[in-house]
């Protein structure tokens, strides 16, 4: 046992040194970036579903809007946007775009997002 103790101690010290040196790596995080703020917001979901509206503005929601069925009477739905941090009304319209027929999504701010609370 005595002739292996020095080898075992040497291996343990090497492994300990490797672990300590790897944990102390300096990682530069830009806390002012929008991506950092979005990921650390309480409403952030790891798998947000993106939606590009007719203006080309990106929106992210917790549910996949393309798999949902919009109501037949007005085809409007209200969801919380993870990029703009307020409620938005989404209206799906099926129509001609160029030579193809496809869904277009119109996104508007919901009026309830901006009501003041009475104190």
C-alpha atoms as a PDB file:
ATOM      1  CA  UNK A   1       0.000   0.000   0.000  1.00  0.00           C
ATOM      2  CA  UNK A   2       2.866   2.426   0.798  1.00  0.00           C
ATOM      3  CA  UNK A   3       4.382   2.314  -2.671  1.00  0.00           C
ATOM      4  CA  UNK A   4       1.048   3.302  -4.318  1.00  0.00           C
ATOM      5  CA  UNK A   5       0.099   6.110  -1.914  1.00  0.00           C
ATOM      6  CA  UNK A   6       2.448   8.629  -3.535  1.00  0.00           C
ATOM      7  CA  UNK A   7       1.015   7.817  -6.980  1.00  0.00           C
ATOM      8  CA  UNK A   8      -2.576   8.096  -5.739  1.00  0.00           C
ATOM      9  CA  UNK A   9      -1.858  11.410  -3.990  1.00  0.00           C
ATOM     10  CA  UNK A  10      -0.196  12.730  -7.147  1.00  0.00           C
ATOM     11  CA  UNK A  11      -3.201  11.754  -9.323  1.00  0.00           C
ATOM     12  CA  UNK A  12      -5.678  13.291  -6.863  1.00  0.00           C
ATOM     13  CA  UNK A  13      -3.709  16.557  -6.747  1.00  0.00           C
ATOM     14  CA  UNK A  14      -3.576  16.704 -10.560  1.00  0.00           C
ATOM     15  CA  UNK A  15      -7.334  16.140 -10.865  1.00  0.00           C
ATOM     16  CA  UNK A  16      -8.039  18.715  -8.164  1.00  0.00           C
ATOM     17  CA  UNK A  17      -5.843  21.269  -9.946  1.00  0.00           C
ATOM     18  CA  UNK A  18      -7.616  20.671 -13.244  1.00  0.00           C
ATOM     19  CA  UNK A  19     -11.051  21.084 -11.652  1.00  0.00           C
ATOM     20  CA  UNK A  20     -10.084  24.295  -9.843  1.00  0.00           C
ATOM     21  CA  UNK A  21      -8.480  25.865 -12.907  1.00  0.00           C
ATOM     22  CA  UNK A  22     -11.455  25.087 -15.161  1.00  0.00           C
ATOM     23  CA  UNK A  23     -13.996  26.519 -12.732  1.00  0.00           C
ATOM     24  CA  UNK A  24     -12.192  29.840 -12.488  1.00  0.00           C
ATOM     25  CA  UNK A  25     -12.455  30.631 -16.180  1.00  0.00           C
ATOM     26  CA  UNK A  26     -13.436  34.247 -16.773  1.00  0.00           C
ATOM     27  CA  UNK A  27     -16.520  34.457 -18.974  1.00  0.00           C
ATOM     28  CA  UNK A  28     -17.418  37.872 -20.359  1.00  0.00           C
ATOM     29  CA  UNK A  29     -21.177  38.394 -20.215  1.00  0.00           C
ATOM     30  CA  UNK A  30     -22.708  41.507 -21.702  1.00  0.00           C
ATOM     31  CA  UNK A  31     -25.522  42.184 -19.232  1.00  0.00           C
ATOM     32  CA  UNK A  32     -26.754  45.155 -21.239  1.00  0.00           C
ATOM     33  CA  UNK A  33     -27.554  43.073 -24.321  1.00  0.00           C
ATOM     34  CA  UNK A  34     -31.223  42.460 -25.169  1.00  0.00           C
ATOM     35  CA  UNK A  35     -30.612  38.705 -25.386  1.00  0.00           C
ATOM     36  CA  UNK A  36     -29.292  38.604 -21.793  1.00  0.00           C
ATOM     37  CA  UNK A  37     -32.248  40.655 -20.529  1.00  0.00           C
ATOM     38  CA  UNK A  38     -34.742  38.469 -22.371  1.00  0.00           C
ATOM     39  CA  UNK A  39     -33.256  35.225 -21.029  1.00  0.00           C
ATOM     40  CA  UNK A  40     -33.249  36.500 -17.442  1.00  0.00           C
ATOM     41  CA  UNK A  41     -36.762  37.927 -17.505  1.00  0.00           C
ATOM     42  CA  UNK A  42     -39.218  36.021 -15.248  1.00  0.00           C
ATOM     43  CA  UNK A  43     -41.544  35.288 -18.162  1.00  0.00           C
ATOM     44  CA  UNK A  44     -38.800  33.795 -20.347  1.00  0.00           C
ATOM     45  CA  UNK A  45     -39.483  30.383 -21.821  1.00  0.00           C
ATOM     46  CA  UNK A  46     -36.650  28.251 -23.200  1.00  0.00           C
ATOM     47  CA  UNK A  47     -38.598  27.341 -26.298  1.00  0.00           C
ATOM     48  CA  UNK A  48     -40.368  30.470 -27.484  1.00  0.00           C
ATOM     49  CA  UNK A  49     -42.242  30.321 -30.742  1.00  0.00           C
ATOM     50  CA  UNK A  50     -41.422  33.087 -33.186  1.00  0.00           C
ATOM     51  CA  UNK A  51     -43.911  34.925 -35.317  1.00  0.00           C
ATOM     52  CA  UNK A  52     -43.059  37.405 -38.046  1.00  0.00           C
ATOM     53  CA  UNK A  53     -45.896  39.849 -38.633  1.00  0.00           C
ATOM     54  CA  UNK A  54     -46.751  41.527 -41.928  1.00  0.00           C
ATOM     55  CA  UNK A  55     -44.358  44.437 -41.190  1.00  0.00           C
ATOM     56  CA  UNK A  56     -41.419  42.087 -40.619  1.00  0.00           C
ATOM     57  CA  UNK A  57     -41.314  42.608 -36.828  1.00  0.00           C
ATOM     58  CA  UNK A  58     -40.373  39.540 -34.770  1.00  0.00           C
ATOM     59  CA  UNK A  59     -42.566  38.465 -31.846  1.00  0.00           C
ATOM     60  CA  UNK A  60     -42.024  35.548 -29.434  1.00  0.00           C
ATOM     61  CA  UNK A  61     -44.807  33.731 -27.635  1.00  0.00           C
ATOM     62  CA  UNK A  62     -45.014  30.716 -25.336  1.00  0.00           C
ATOM     63  CA  UNK A  63     -47.426  28.863 -27.582  1.00  0.00           C
ATOM     64  CA  UNK A  64     -47.072  27.854 -31.201  1.00  0.00           C
ATOM     65  CA  UNK A  65     -49.611  30.055 -32.966  1.00  0.00           C
ATOM     66  CA  UNK A  66     -49.392  28.105 -36.176  1.00  0.00           C
ATOM     67  CA  UNK A  67     -50.695  24.980 -34.448  1.00  0.00           C
ATOM     68  CA  UNK A  68     -53.584  26.841 -32.745  1.00  0.00           C
ATOM     69  CA  UNK A  69     -56.940  27.224 -34.360  1.00  0.00           C
ATOM     70  CA  UNK A  70     -58.130  30.812 -34.384  1.00  0.00           C
ATOM     71  CA  UNK A  71     -61.829  31.476 -33.695  1.00  0.00           C
ATOM     72  CA  UNK A  72     -63.870  31.376 -36.888  1.00  0.00           C
ATOM     73  CA  UNK A  73     -65.807  34.568 -36.168  1.00  0.00           C
ATOM     74  CA  UNK A  74     -62.956  37.085 -35.826  1.00  0.00           C
ATOM     75  CA  UNK A  75     -59.715  35.057 -35.988  1.00  0.00           C
ATOM     76  CA  UNK A  76     -58.128  37.144 -33.215  1.00  0.00           C
ATOM     77  CA  UNK A  77     -56.090  35.915 -30.280  1.00  0.00           C
ATOM     78  CA  UNK A  78     -54.350  37.679 -27.371  1.00  0.00           C
ATOM     79  CA  UNK A  79     -50.889  36.510 -26.256  1.00  0.00           C
ATOM     80  CA  UNK A  80     -48.026  37.916 -24.167  1.00  0.00           C
ATOM     81  CA  UNK A  81     -44.964  38.877 -26.255  1.00  0.00           C
ATOM     82  CA  UNK A  82     -41.596  37.947 -24.773  1.00  0.00           C
ATOM     83  CA  UNK A  83     -39.719  40.580 -26.767  1.00  0.00           C
ATOM     84  CA  UNK A  84     -41.968  43.623 -26.242  1.00  0.00           C
ATOM     85  CA  UNK A  85     -43.118  42.595 -22.720  1.00  0.00           C
ATOM     86  CA  UNK A  86     -46.816  43.388 -23.157  1.00  0.00           C
ATOM     87  CA  UNK A  87     -50.026  41.766 -24.340  1.00  0.00           C
ATOM     88  CA  UNK A  88     -50.679  41.742 -28.071  1.00  0.00           C
ATOM     89  CA  UNK A  89     -53.705  40.978 -30.212  1.00  0.00           C
ATOM     90  CA  UNK A  90     -52.864  38.712 -33.132  1.00  0.00           C
ATOM     91  CA  UNK A  91     -55.153  38.602 -36.126  1.00  0.00           C
ATOM     92  CA  UNK A  92     -54.663  35.915 -38.771  1.00  0.00           C
ATOM     93  CA  UNK A  93     -55.806  36.722 -42.288  1.00  0.00           C
ATOM     94  CA  UNK A  94     -55.634  34.261 -45.173  1.00  0.00           C
ATOM     95  CA  UNK A  95     -55.093  36.021 -48.446  1.00  0.00           C
ATOM     96  CA  UNK A  96     -53.082  36.531 -51.567  1.00  0.00           C
ATOM     97  CA  UNK A  97     -49.448  37.564 -51.131  1.00  0.00           C
ATOM     98  CA  UNK A  98     -47.738  37.934 -54.484  1.00  0.00           C
ATOM     99  CA  UNK A  99     -48.884  34.915 -56.492  1.00  0.00           C
ATOM    100  CA  UNK A 100     -49.467  32.641 -53.488  1.00  0.00           C
ATOM    101  CA  UNK A 101     -52.218  32.328 -50.914  1.00  0.00           C
ATOM    102  CA  UNK A 102     -50.882  32.292 -47.355  1.00  0.00           C
ATOM    103  CA  UNK A 103     -51.562  33.378 -43.777  1.00  0.00           C
ATOM    104  CA  UNK A 104     -50.567  36.909 -42.751  1.00  0.00           C
ATOM    105  CA  UNK A 105     -50.440  37.889 -39.110  1.00  0.00           C
ATOM    106  CA  UNK A 106     -51.373  41.388 -37.947  1.00  0.00           C
ATOM    107  CA  UNK A 107     -50.123  42.179 -34.444  1.00  0.00           C
ATOM    108  CA  UNK A 108     -51.466  45.098 -32.368  1.00  0.00           C
ATOM    109  CA  UNK A 109     -50.875  46.172 -28.779  1.00  0.00           C
ATOM    110  CA  UNK A 110     -53.743  45.138 -26.525  1.00  0.00           C
ATOM    111  CA  UNK A 111     -55.556  48.061 -24.922  1.00  0.00           C
ATOM    112  CA  UNK A 112     -55.540  46.364 -21.500  1.00  0.00           C
ATOM    113  CA  UNK A 113     -51.728  46.400 -21.388  1.00  0.00           C
ATOM    114  CA  UNK A 114     -51.657  50.146 -20.860  1.00  0.00           C
ATOM    115  CA  UNK A 115     -54.427  50.732 -18.327  1.00  0.00           C
ATOM    116  CA  UNK A 116     -53.258  52.496 -15.183  1.00  0.00           C
ATOM    117  CA  UNK A 117     -53.912  50.801 -11.854  1.00  0.00           C
ATOM    118  CA  UNK A 118     -55.793  52.846  -9.261  1.00  0.00           C
ATOM    119  CA  UNK A 119     -53.889  53.259  -6.019  1.00  0.00           C
END
